[in-house]
Amino acid sequence: GTALPRLQAGLQADRADFTLVLDDVHSLAEDACFEVLG
């Protein structure tokens, strides 16, 4: 309802380009976690 939509809005605003590295992603199993990443 709030956290992901507000983060998405911020990422689509006038924000500097960046790279985010997530290592050991095989540690995740919950579908909800992959929905967040998606």
Full PDB file with SEQRES, HELIX, SHEET, SSBOND, CRYST1, ORIGX, SCALE, CONECT and MASTER records, all heavy atoms in Angstrom:
SEQRES   1 A   38  GLY THR ALA LEU PRO ARG LEU GLN ALA GLY LEU GLN ALA          
SEQRES   2 A   38  ASP ARG ALA ASP PHE THR LEU VAL LEU ASP ASP VAL HIS          
SEQRES   3 A   38  SER LEU ALA GLU ASP ALA CYS PHE GLU VAL LEU GLY              
HELIX    1 AA1 ALA A    3  GLN A   12  1                                  10    
HELIX    2 AA2 VAL A   25  SER A   27  5                                   3    
HELIX    3 AA3 ASP A   31  LEU A   37  1                                   7    
CRYST1    1.000    1.000    1.000  90.00  90.00  90.00 P 1           1          
ORIGX1      1.000000  0.000000  0.000000        0.00000                         
ORIGX2      0.000000  1.000000  0.000000        0.00000                         
ORIGX3      0.000000  0.000000  1.000000        0.00000                         
SCALE1      1.000000  0.000000  0.000000        0.00000                         
SCALE2      0.000000  1.000000  0.000000        0.00000                         
SCALE3      0.000000  0.000000  1.000000        0.00000                         
ATOM      1  N   GLY A   1       0.789  -1.223   0.000  1.00  0.00           N  
ATOM      2  CA  GLY A   1       0.000   0.000   0.000  1.00  0.00           C  
ATOM      3  C   GLY A   1       0.823   1.276   0.000  1.00  0.00           C  
ATOM      4  O   GLY A   1       0.471   2.263  -0.650  1.00  0.00           O  
ATOM      5  N   THR A   2       1.948   1.261   0.746  1.00  0.00           N  
ATOM      6  CA  THR A   2       2.729   2.502   0.892  1.00  0.00           C  
ATOM      7  C   THR A   2       4.198   2.325   0.531  1.00  0.00           C  
ATOM      8  O   THR A   2       4.727   3.061  -0.321  1.00  0.00           O  
ATOM      9  CB  THR A   2       2.622   3.012   2.345  1.00  0.00           C  
ATOM     10  OG1 THR A   2       1.266   3.203   2.692  1.00  0.00           O  
ATOM     11  CG2 THR A   2       3.392   4.315   2.502  1.00  0.00           C  
ATOM     12  N   ALA A   3       4.882   1.397   1.182  1.00  0.00           N  
ATOM     13  CA  ALA A   3       6.347   1.336   1.076  1.00  0.00           C  
ATOM     14  C   ALA A   3       6.819   1.143  -0.364  1.00  0.00           C  
ATOM     15  O   ALA A   3       7.625   1.950  -0.868  1.00  0.00           O  
ATOM     16  CB  ALA A   3       6.882   0.206   1.961  1.00  0.00           C  
ATOM     17  N   LEU A   4       6.337   0.099  -1.028  1.00  0.00           N  
ATOM     18  CA  LEU A   4       6.818  -0.167  -2.387  1.00  0.00           C  
ATOM     19  C   LEU A   4       6.365   0.902  -3.375  1.00  0.00           C  
ATOM     20  O   LEU A   4       7.189   1.395  -4.173  1.00  0.00           O  
ATOM     21  CB  LEU A   4       6.367  -1.560  -2.841  1.00  0.00           C  
ATOM     22  CG  LEU A   4       6.982  -2.073  -4.147  1.00  0.00           C  
ATOM     23  CD1 LEU A   4       8.505  -2.058  -4.078  1.00  0.00           C  
ATOM     24  CD2 LEU A   4       6.493  -3.492  -4.450  1.00  0.00           C  
ATOM     25  N   PRO A   5       5.089   1.351  -3.357  1.00  0.00           N  
ATOM     26  CA  PRO A   5       4.691   2.430  -4.277  1.00  0.00           C  
ATOM     27  C   PRO A   5       5.484   3.726  -4.066  1.00  0.00           C  
ATOM     28  O   PRO A   5       5.870   4.387  -5.046  1.00  0.00           O  
ATOM     29  CB  PRO A   5       3.201   2.628  -3.970  1.00  0.00           C  
ATOM     30  CG  PRO A   5       2.753   1.307  -3.431  1.00  0.00           C  
ATOM     31  CD  PRO A   5       3.932   0.799  -2.644  1.00  0.00           C  
ATOM     32  N   ARG A   6       5.749   4.099  -2.806  1.00  0.00           N  
ATOM     33  CA  ARG A   6       6.506   5.329  -2.562  1.00  0.00           C  
ATOM     34  C   ARG A   6       7.950   5.175  -3.020  1.00  0.00           C  
ATOM     35  O   ARG A   6       8.553   6.122  -3.550  1.00  0.00           O  
ATOM     36  CB  ARG A   6       6.457   5.682  -1.063  1.00  0.00           C  
ATOM     37  CG  ARG A   6       5.079   6.041  -0.545  1.00  0.00           C  
ATOM     38  CD  ARG A   6       4.556   7.356  -1.155  1.00  0.00           C  
ATOM     39  NE  ARG A   6       5.253   8.516  -0.647  1.00  0.00           N  
ATOM     40  CZ  ARG A   6       4.818   9.243   0.392  1.00  0.00           C  
ATOM     41  NH1 ARG A   6       3.704   8.891   1.042  1.00  0.00           N  
ATOM     42  NH2 ARG A   6       5.481  10.320   0.770  1.00  0.00           N  
ATOM     43  N   LEU A   7       8.526   3.987  -2.813  1.00  0.00           N  
ATOM     44  CA  LEU A   7       9.892   3.750  -3.297  1.00  0.00           C  
ATOM     45  C   LEU A   7       9.927   3.791  -4.819  1.00  0.00           C  
ATOM     46  O   LEU A   7      10.836   4.398  -5.414  1.00  0.00           O  
ATOM     47  CB  LEU A   7      10.403   2.397  -2.803  1.00  0.00           C  
ATOM     48  CG  LEU A   7      11.804   1.996  -3.308  1.00  0.00           C  
ATOM     49  CD1 LEU A   7      12.855   2.999  -2.837  1.00  0.00           C  
ATOM     50  CD2 LEU A   7      12.171   0.590  -2.846  1.00  0.00           C  
ATOM     51  N   GLN A   8       8.946   3.173  -5.465  1.00  0.00           N  
ATOM     52  CA  GLN A   8       8.890   3.184  -6.933  1.00  0.00           C  
ATOM     53  C   GLN A   8       8.768   4.615  -7.464  1.00  0.00           C  
ATOM     54  O   GLN A   8       9.434   4.977  -8.440  1.00  0.00           O  
ATOM     55  CB  GLN A   8       7.711   2.340  -7.414  1.00  0.00           C  
ATOM     56  CG  GLN A   8       7.897   0.842  -7.197  1.00  0.00           C  
ATOM     57  CD  GLN A   8       6.641   0.053  -7.505  1.00  0.00           C  
ATOM     58  OE1 GLN A   8       5.521   0.511  -7.258  1.00  0.00           O  
ATOM     59  NE2 GLN A   8       6.822  -1.150  -8.048  1.00  0.00           N  
ATOM     60  N   ALA A   9       7.939   5.402  -6.806  1.00  0.00           N  
ATOM     61  CA  ALA A   9       7.785   6.804  -7.232  1.00  0.00           C  
ATOM     62  C   ALA A   9       9.101   7.551  -7.096  1.00  0.00           C  
ATOM     63  O   ALA A   9       9.477   8.358  -7.964  1.00  0.00           O  
ATOM     64  CB  ALA A   9       6.685   7.479  -6.410  1.00  0.00           C  
ATOM     65  N   GLY A  10       9.816   7.302  -6.014  1.00  0.00           N  
ATOM     66  CA  GLY A  10      11.093   7.969  -5.811  1.00  0.00           C  
ATOM     67  C   GLY A  10      12.130   7.546  -6.837  1.00  0.00           C  
ATOM     68  O   GLY A  10      12.927   8.366  -7.313  1.00  0.00           O  
ATOM     69  N   LEU A  11      12.129   6.266  -7.212  1.00  0.00           N  
ATOM     70  CA  LEU A  11      13.098   5.779  -8.189  1.00  0.00           C  
ATOM     71  C   LEU A  11      12.809   6.319  -9.585  1.00  0.00           C  
ATOM     72  O   LEU A  11      13.720   6.444 -10.413  1.00  0.00           O  
ATOM     73  CB  LEU A  11      13.085   4.236  -8.222  1.00  0.00           C  
ATOM     74  CG  LEU A  11      13.589   3.543  -6.952  1.00  0.00           C  
ATOM     75  CD1 LEU A  11      13.413   2.032  -7.075  1.00  0.00           C  
ATOM     76  CD2 LEU A  11      15.062   3.878  -6.709  1.00  0.00           C  
ATOM     77  N   GLN A  12      11.532   6.644  -9.852  1.00  0.00           N  
ATOM     78  CA  GLN A  12      11.166   7.172 -11.169  1.00  0.00           C  
ATOM     79  C   GLN A  12      11.228   8.692 -11.215  1.00  0.00           C  
ATOM     80  O   GLN A  12      11.012   9.291 -12.271  1.00  0.00           O  
ATOM     81  CB  GLN A  12       9.758   6.695 -11.545  1.00  0.00           C  
ATOM     82  CG  GLN A  12       9.700   5.196 -11.814  1.00  0.00           C  
ATOM     83  CD  GLN A  12       8.313   4.726 -12.199  1.00  0.00           C  
ATOM     84  OE1 GLN A  12       7.315   5.147 -11.620  1.00  0.00           O  
ATOM     85  NE2 GLN A  12       8.247   3.858 -13.196  1.00  0.00           N  
ATOM     86  N   ALA A  13      11.533   9.302 -10.093  1.00  0.00           N  
ATOM     87  CA  ALA A  13      11.677  10.760 -10.047  1.00  0.00           C  
ATOM     88  C   ALA A  13      13.082  11.145 -10.522  1.00  0.00           C  
ATOM     89  O   ALA A  13      13.847  10.324 -10.992  1.00  0.00           O  
ATOM     90  CB  ALA A  13      11.416  11.257  -8.628  1.00  0.00           C  
ATOM     91  N   ASP A  14      13.412  12.404 -10.374  1.00  0.00           N  
ATOM     92  CA  ASP A  14      14.714  12.914 -10.825  1.00  0.00           C  
ATOM     93  C   ASP A  14      15.785  12.483  -9.835  1.00  0.00           C  
ATOM     94  O   ASP A  14      16.195  13.246  -8.955  1.00  0.00           O  
ATOM     95  CB  ASP A  14      14.649  14.445 -10.940  1.00  0.00           C  
ATOM     96  CG  ASP A  14      15.945  15.004 -11.528  1.00  0.00           C  
ATOM     97  OD1 ASP A  14      16.675  14.216 -12.157  1.00  0.00           O  
ATOM     98  OD2 ASP A  14      16.198  16.208 -11.353  1.00  0.00           O  
ATOM     99  N   ARG A  15      16.250  11.236  -9.990  1.00  0.00           N  
ATOM    100  CA  ARG A  15      17.214  10.658  -9.056  1.00  0.00           C  
ATOM    101  C   ARG A  15      18.475  10.276  -9.826  1.00  0.00           C  
ATOM    102  O   ARG A  15      18.406   9.861 -10.986  1.00  0.00           O  
ATOM    103  CB  ARG A  15      16.614   9.412  -8.393  1.00  0.00           C  
ATOM    104  CG  ARG A  15      17.505   8.758  -7.345  1.00  0.00           C  
ATOM    105  CD  ARG A  15      16.874   7.466  -6.829  1.00  0.00           C  
ATOM    106  NE  ARG A  15      17.786   6.806  -5.906  1.00  0.00           N  
ATOM    107  CZ  ARG A  15      17.740   6.968  -4.588  1.00  0.00           C  
ATOM    108  NH1 ARG A  15      16.841   7.760  -4.054  1.00  0.00           N  
ATOM    109  NH2 ARG A  15      18.613   6.336  -3.800  1.00  0.00           N  
ATOM    110  N   ALA A  16      19.613  10.410  -9.190  1.00  0.00           N  
ATOM    111  CA  ALA A  16      20.870  10.078  -9.864  1.00  0.00           C  
ATOM    112  C   ALA A  16      20.899   8.594 -10.221  1.00  0.00           C  
ATOM    113  O   ALA A  16      20.345   7.748  -9.518  1.00  0.00           O  
ATOM    114  CB  ALA A  16      22.048  10.414  -8.948  1.00  0.00           C  
ATOM    115  N   ASP A  17      21.543   8.263 -11.351  1.00  0.00           N  
ATOM    116  CA  ASP A  17      21.706   6.871 -11.741  1.00  0.00           C  
ATOM    117  C   ASP A  17      22.544   6.133 -10.705  1.00  0.00           C  
ATOM    118  O   ASP A  17      23.450   6.714 -10.084  1.00  0.00           O  
ATOM    119  CB  ASP A  17      22.384   6.783 -13.112  1.00  0.00           C  
ATOM    120  CG  ASP A  17      21.505   7.367 -14.224  1.00  0.00           C  
ATOM    121  OD1 ASP A  17      20.277   7.283 -14.093  1.00  0.00           O  
ATOM    122  OD2 ASP A  17      22.065   7.894 -15.193  1.00  0.00           O  
ATOM    123  N   PHE A  18      22.256   4.854 -10.526  1.00  0.00           N  
ATOM    124  CA  PHE A  18      22.957   4.080  -9.504  1.00  0.00           C  
ATOM    125  C   PHE A  18      22.979   2.602  -9.898  1.00  0.00           C  
ATOM    126  O   PHE A  18      22.276   2.156 -10.804  1.00  0.00           O  
ATOM    127  CB  PHE A  18      22.275   4.230  -8.143  1.00  0.00           C  
ATOM    128  CG  PHE A  18      20.891   3.623  -8.101  1.00  0.00           C  
ATOM    129  CD1 PHE A  18      20.700   2.292  -7.728  1.00  0.00           C  
ATOM    130  CD2 PHE A  18      19.779   4.382  -8.459  1.00  0.00           C  
ATOM    131  CE1 PHE A  18      19.433   1.732  -7.702  1.00  0.00           C  
ATOM    132  CE2 PHE A  18      18.508   3.826  -8.435  1.00  0.00           C  
ATOM    133  CZ  PHE A  18      18.333   2.502  -8.059  1.00  0.00           C  
ATOM    134  N   THR A  19      23.793   1.847  -9.171  1.00  0.00           N  
ATOM    135  CA  THR A  19      23.841   0.390  -9.305  1.00  0.00           C  
ATOM    136  C   THR A  19      23.684  -0.209  -7.913  1.00  0.00           C  
ATOM    137  O   THR A  19      24.402   0.175  -6.992  1.00  0.00           O  
ATOM    138  CB  THR A  19      25.181  -0.082  -9.904  1.00  0.00           C  
ATOM    139  OG1 THR A  19      25.322   0.445 -11.221  1.00  0.00           O  
ATOM    140  CG2 THR A  19      25.235  -1.602  -9.967  1.00  0.00           C  
ATOM    141  N   LEU A  20      22.744  -1.134  -7.770  1.00  0.00           N  
ATOM    142  CA  LEU A  20      22.548  -1.835  -6.505  1.00  0.00           C  
ATOM    143  C   LEU A  20      22.848  -3.317  -6.738  1.00  0.00           C  
ATOM    144  O   LEU A  20      22.226  -3.958  -7.586  1.00  0.00           O  
ATOM    145  CB  LEU A  20      21.118  -1.663  -5.997  1.00  0.00           C  
ATOM    146  CG  LEU A  20      20.748  -2.482  -4.752  1.00  0.00           C  
ATOM    147  CD1 LEU A  20      21.612  -2.083  -3.565  1.00  0.00           C  
ATOM    148  CD2 LEU A  20      19.264  -2.319  -4.409  1.00  0.00           C  
ATOM    149  N   VAL A  21      23.819  -3.838  -5.992  1.00  0.00           N  
ATOM    150  CA  VAL A  21      24.201  -5.245  -6.115  1.00  0.00           C  
ATOM    151  C   VAL A  21      23.629  -6.015  -4.935  1.00  0.00           C  
ATOM    152  O   VAL A  21      23.879  -5.671  -3.777  1.00  0.00           O  
ATOM    153  CB  VAL A  21      25.739  -5.409  -6.137  1.00  0.00           C  
ATOM    154  CG1 VAL A  21      26.111  -6.888  -6.278  1.00  0.00           C  
ATOM    155  CG2 VAL A  21      26.354  -4.596  -7.270  1.00  0.00           C  
ATOM    156  N   LEU A  22      22.869  -7.073  -5.244  1.00  0.00           N  
ATOM    157  CA  LEU A  22      22.380  -7.990  -4.217  1.00  0.00           C  
ATOM    158  C   LEU A  22      23.095  -9.320  -4.419  1.00  0.00           C  
ATOM    159  O   LEU A  22      22.890 -10.001  -5.426  1.00  0.00           O  
ATOM    160  CB  LEU A  22      20.862  -8.184  -4.317  1.00  0.00           C  
ATOM    161  CG  LEU A  22      19.989  -6.925  -4.173  1.00  0.00           C  
ATOM    162  CD1 LEU A  22      18.523  -7.315  -4.165  1.00  0.00           C  
ATOM    163  CD2 LEU A  22      20.344  -6.148  -2.907  1.00  0.00           C  
ATOM    164  N   ASP A  23      23.926  -9.687  -3.461  1.00  0.00           N  
ATOM    165  CA  ASP A  23      24.703 -10.922  -3.546  1.00  0.00           C  
ATOM    166  C   ASP A  23      23.987 -12.043  -2.789  1.00  0.00           C  
ATOM    167  O   ASP A  23      23.238 -11.801  -1.844  1.00  0.00           O  
ATOM    168  CB  ASP A  23      26.092 -10.679  -2.955  1.00  0.00           C  
ATOM    169  CG  ASP A  23      27.079 -11.769  -3.332  1.00  0.00           C  
ATOM    170  OD1 ASP A  23      26.738 -12.622  -4.178  1.00  0.00           O  
ATOM    171  OD2 ASP A  23      28.202 -11.761  -2.788  1.00  0.00           O  
ATOM    172  N   ASP A  24      24.239 -13.283  -3.214  1.00  0.00           N  
ATOM    173  CA  ASP A  24      23.654 -14.484  -2.578  1.00  0.00           C  
ATOM    174  C   ASP A  24      22.132 -14.461  -2.609  1.00  0.00           C  
ATOM    175  O   ASP A  24      21.457 -14.777  -1.610  1.00  0.00           O  
ATOM    176  CB  ASP A  24      24.148 -14.628  -1.133  1.00  0.00           C  
ATOM    177  CG  ASP A  24      25.614 -15.029  -1.066  1.00  0.00           C  
ATOM    178  OD1 ASP A  24      26.177 -15.410  -2.115  1.00  0.00           O  
ATOM    179  OD2 ASP A  24      26.200 -14.973   0.030  1.00  0.00           O  
ATOM    180  N   VAL A  25      21.575 -14.112  -3.763  1.00  0.00           N  
ATOM    181  CA  VAL A  25      20.116 -14.043  -3.903  1.00  0.00           C  
ATOM    182  C   VAL A  25      19.481 -15.426  -3.756  1.00  0.00           C  
ATOM    183  O   VAL A  25      18.284 -15.552  -3.462  1.00  0.00           O  
ATOM    184  CB  VAL A  25      19.741 -13.392  -5.261  1.00  0.00           C  
ATOM    185  CG1 VAL A  25      18.243 -13.401  -5.507  1.00  0.00           C  
ATOM    186  CG2 VAL A  25      20.259 -11.959  -5.300  1.00  0.00           C  
ATOM    187  N   HIS A  26      20.276 -16.490  -3.913  1.00  0.00           N  
ATOM    188  CA  HIS A  26      19.740 -17.845  -3.720  1.00  0.00           C  
ATOM    189  C   HIS A  26      19.316 -18.087  -2.276  1.00  0.00           C  
ATOM    190  O   HIS A  26      18.681 -19.107  -1.983  1.00  0.00           O  
ATOM    191  CB  HIS A  26      20.785 -18.896  -4.125  1.00  0.00           C  
ATOM    192  CG  HIS A  26      22.126 -18.670  -3.520  1.00  0.00           C  
ATOM    193  ND1 HIS A  26      23.108 -17.926  -4.139  1.00  0.00           N  
ATOM    194  CD2 HIS A  26      22.650 -19.045  -2.325  1.00  0.00           C  
ATOM    195  CE1 HIS A  26      24.169 -17.879  -3.357  1.00  0.00           C  
ATOM    196  NE2 HIS A  26      23.923 -18.547  -2.264  1.00  0.00           N  
ATOM    197  N   SER A  27      19.631 -17.164  -1.371  1.00  0.00           N  
ATOM    198  CA  SER A  27      19.186 -17.289   0.017  1.00  0.00           C  
ATOM    199  C   SER A  27      17.684 -17.035   0.153  1.00  0.00           C  
ATOM    200  O   SER A  27      17.081 -17.392   1.179  1.00  0.00           O  
ATOM    201  CB  SER A  27      19.942 -16.301   0.918  1.00  0.00           C  
ATOM    202  OG  SER A  27      21.333 -16.535   0.879  1.00  0.00           O  
ATOM    203  N   LEU A  28      17.083 -16.412  -0.856  1.00  0.00           N  
ATOM    204  CA  LEU A  28      15.653 -16.093  -0.807  1.00  0.00           C  
ATOM    205  C   LEU A  28      14.822 -17.249  -1.345  1.00  0.00           C  
ATOM    206  O   LEU A  28      15.195 -17.890  -2.329  1.00  0.00           O  
ATOM    207  CB  LEU A  28      15.357 -14.835  -1.630  1.00  0.00           C  
ATOM    208  CG  LEU A  28      16.145 -13.564  -1.274  1.00  0.00           C  
ATOM    209  CD1 LEU A  28      15.730 -12.426  -2.196  1.00  0.00           C  
ATOM    210  CD2 LEU A  28      15.949 -13.188   0.183  1.00  0.00           C  
ATOM    211  N   ALA A  29      13.674 -17.479  -0.705  1.00  0.00           N  
ATOM    212  CA  ALA A  29      12.754 -18.520  -1.164  1.00  0.00           C  
ATOM    213  C   ALA A  29      11.318 -18.020  -1.247  1.00  0.00           C  
ATOM    214  O   ALA A  29      10.528 -18.512  -2.057  1.00  0.00           O  
ATOM    215  CB  ALA A  29      12.820 -19.732  -0.241  1.00  0.00           C  
ATOM    216  N   GLU A  30      10.955 -17.026  -0.426  1.00  0.00           N  
ATOM    217  CA  GLU A  30       9.578 -16.537  -0.377  1.00  0.00           C  
ATOM    218  C   GLU A  30       9.204 -15.817  -1.674  1.00  0.00           C  
ATOM    219  O   GLU A  30       9.936 -14.940  -2.151  1.00  0.00           O  
ATOM    220  CB  GLU A  30       9.408 -15.571   0.798  1.00  0.00           C  
ATOM    221  CG  GLU A  30       9.454 -16.226   2.163  1.00  0.00           C  
ATOM    222  CD  GLU A  30       8.207 -17.038   2.439  1.00  0.00           C  
ATOM    223  OE1 GLU A  30       7.161 -16.780   1.799  1.00  0.00           O  
ATOM    224  OE2 GLU A  30       8.276 -17.944   3.293  1.00  0.00           O  
ATOM    225  N   ASP A  31       8.055 -16.169  -2.230  1.00  0.00           N  
ATOM    226  CA  ASP A  31       7.573 -15.502  -3.450  1.00  0.00           C  
ATOM    227  C   ASP A  31       7.418 -14.002  -3.239  1.00  0.00           C  
ATOM    228  O   ASP A  31       7.671 -13.205  -4.145  1.00  0.00           O  
ATOM    229  CB  ASP A  31       6.233 -16.107  -3.885  1.00  0.00           C  
ATOM    230  CG  ASP A  31       6.376 -17.520  -4.417  1.00  0.00           C  
ATOM    231  OD1 ASP A  31       7.502 -17.895  -4.817  1.00  0.00           O  
ATOM    232  OD2 ASP A  31       5.370 -18.259  -4.439  1.00  0.00           O  
ATOM    233  N   ALA A  32       6.999 -13.629  -2.033  1.00  0.00           N  
ATOM    234  CA  ALA A  32       6.790 -12.207  -1.751  1.00  0.00           C  
ATOM    235  C   ALA A  32       8.084 -11.413  -1.869  1.00  0.00           C  
ATOM    236  O   ALA A  32       8.067 -10.231  -2.252  1.00  0.00           O  
ATOM    237  CB  ALA A  32       6.190 -12.033  -0.357  1.00  0.00           C  
ATOM    238  N   CYS A  33       9.213 -12.050  -1.558  1.00  0.00           N  
ATOM    239  CA  CYS A  33      10.501 -11.358  -1.692  1.00  0.00           C  
ATOM    240  C   CYS A  33      10.811 -11.081  -3.163  1.00  0.00           C  
ATOM    241  O   CYS A  33      11.306  -9.998  -3.513  1.00  0.00           O  
ATOM    242  CB  CYS A  33      11.614 -12.194  -1.067  1.00  0.00           C  
ATOM    243  SG  CYS A  33      11.536 -12.293   0.734  1.00  0.00           S  
ATOM    244  N   PHE A  34      10.503 -12.027  -4.016  1.00  0.00           N  
ATOM    245  CA  PHE A  34      10.762 -11.825  -5.442  1.00  0.00           C  
ATOM    246  C   PHE A  34       9.772 -10.831  -6.055  1.00  0.00           C  
ATOM    247  O   PHE A  34      10.100 -10.141  -7.020  1.00  0.00           O  
ATOM    248  CB  PHE A  34      10.716 -13.166  -6.174  1.00  0.00           C  
ATOM    249  CG  PHE A  34      11.850 -14.087  -5.791  1.00  0.00           C  
ATOM    250  CD1 PHE A  34      11.621 -15.195  -5.008  1.00  0.00           C  
ATOM    251  CD2 PHE A  34      13.146 -13.805  -6.189  1.00  0.00           C  
ATOM    252  CE1 PHE A  34      12.669 -16.029  -4.634  1.00  0.00           C  
ATOM    253  CE2 PHE A  34      14.197 -14.629  -5.822  1.00  0.00           C  
ATOM    254  CZ  PHE A  34      13.960 -15.746  -5.040  1.00  0.00           C  
ATOM    255  N   GLU A  35       8.596 -10.744  -5.467  1.00  0.00           N  
ATOM    256  CA  GLU A  35       7.644  -9.721  -5.918  1.00  0.00           C  
ATOM    257  C   GLU A  35       8.182  -8.329  -5.591  1.00  0.00           C  
ATOM    258  O   GLU A  35       8.025  -7.385  -6.382  1.00  0.00           O  
ATOM    259  CB  GLU A  35       6.288  -9.945  -5.257  1.00  0.00           C  
ATOM    260  CG  GLU A  35       5.566 -11.194  -5.767  1.00  0.00           C  
ATOM    261  CD  GLU A  35       4.300 -11.483  -4.981  1.00  0.00           C  
ATOM    262  OE1 GLU A  35       3.933 -10.643  -4.114  1.00  0.00           O  
ATOM    263  OE2 GLU A  35       3.684 -12.540  -5.210  1.00  0.00           O  
ATOM    264  N   VAL A  36       8.828  -8.192  -4.444  1.00  0.00           N  
ATOM    265  CA  VAL A  36       9.455  -6.915  -4.071  1.00  0.00           C  
ATOM    266  C   VAL A  36      10.556  -6.563  -5.064  1.00  0.00           C  
ATOM    267  O   VAL A  36      10.621  -5.433  -5.576  1.00  0.00           O  
ATOM    268  CB  VAL A  36      10.024  -6.989  -2.644  1.00  0.00           C  
ATOM    269  CG1 VAL A  36      10.962  -5.813  -2.374  1.00  0.00           C  
ATOM    270  CG2 VAL A  36       8.896  -7.008  -1.615  1.00  0.00           C  
ATOM    271  N   LEU A  37      11.421  -7.549  -5.372  1.00  0.00           N  
ATOM    272  CA  LEU A  37      12.511  -7.295  -6.318  1.00  0.00           C  
ATOM    273  C   LEU A  37      11.951  -6.960  -7.695  1.00  0.00           C  
ATOM    274  O   LEU A  37      12.448  -6.059  -8.381  1.00  0.00           O  
ATOM    275  CB  LEU A  37      13.430  -8.509  -6.406  1.00  0.00           C  
ATOM    276  CG  LEU A  37      14.200  -8.881  -5.137  1.00  0.00           C  
ATOM    277  CD1 LEU A  37      15.109 -10.079  -5.397  1.00  0.00           C  
ATOM    278  CD2 LEU A  37      15.023  -7.701  -4.641  1.00  0.00           C  
ATOM    279  N   GLY A  38      10.917  -7.704  -8.123  1.00  0.00           N  
ATOM    280  CA  GLY A  38      10.309  -7.425  -9.422  1.00  0.00           C  
ATOM    281  C   GLY A  38       9.729  -6.024  -9.483  1.00  0.00           C  
ATOM    282  O   GLY A  38       9.847  -5.340 -10.503  1.00  0.00           O  
TER     283      GLY A  38                                                      
MASTER        0    0    0    3    0    0    0    6  282    1    0    3          
END                                                                             
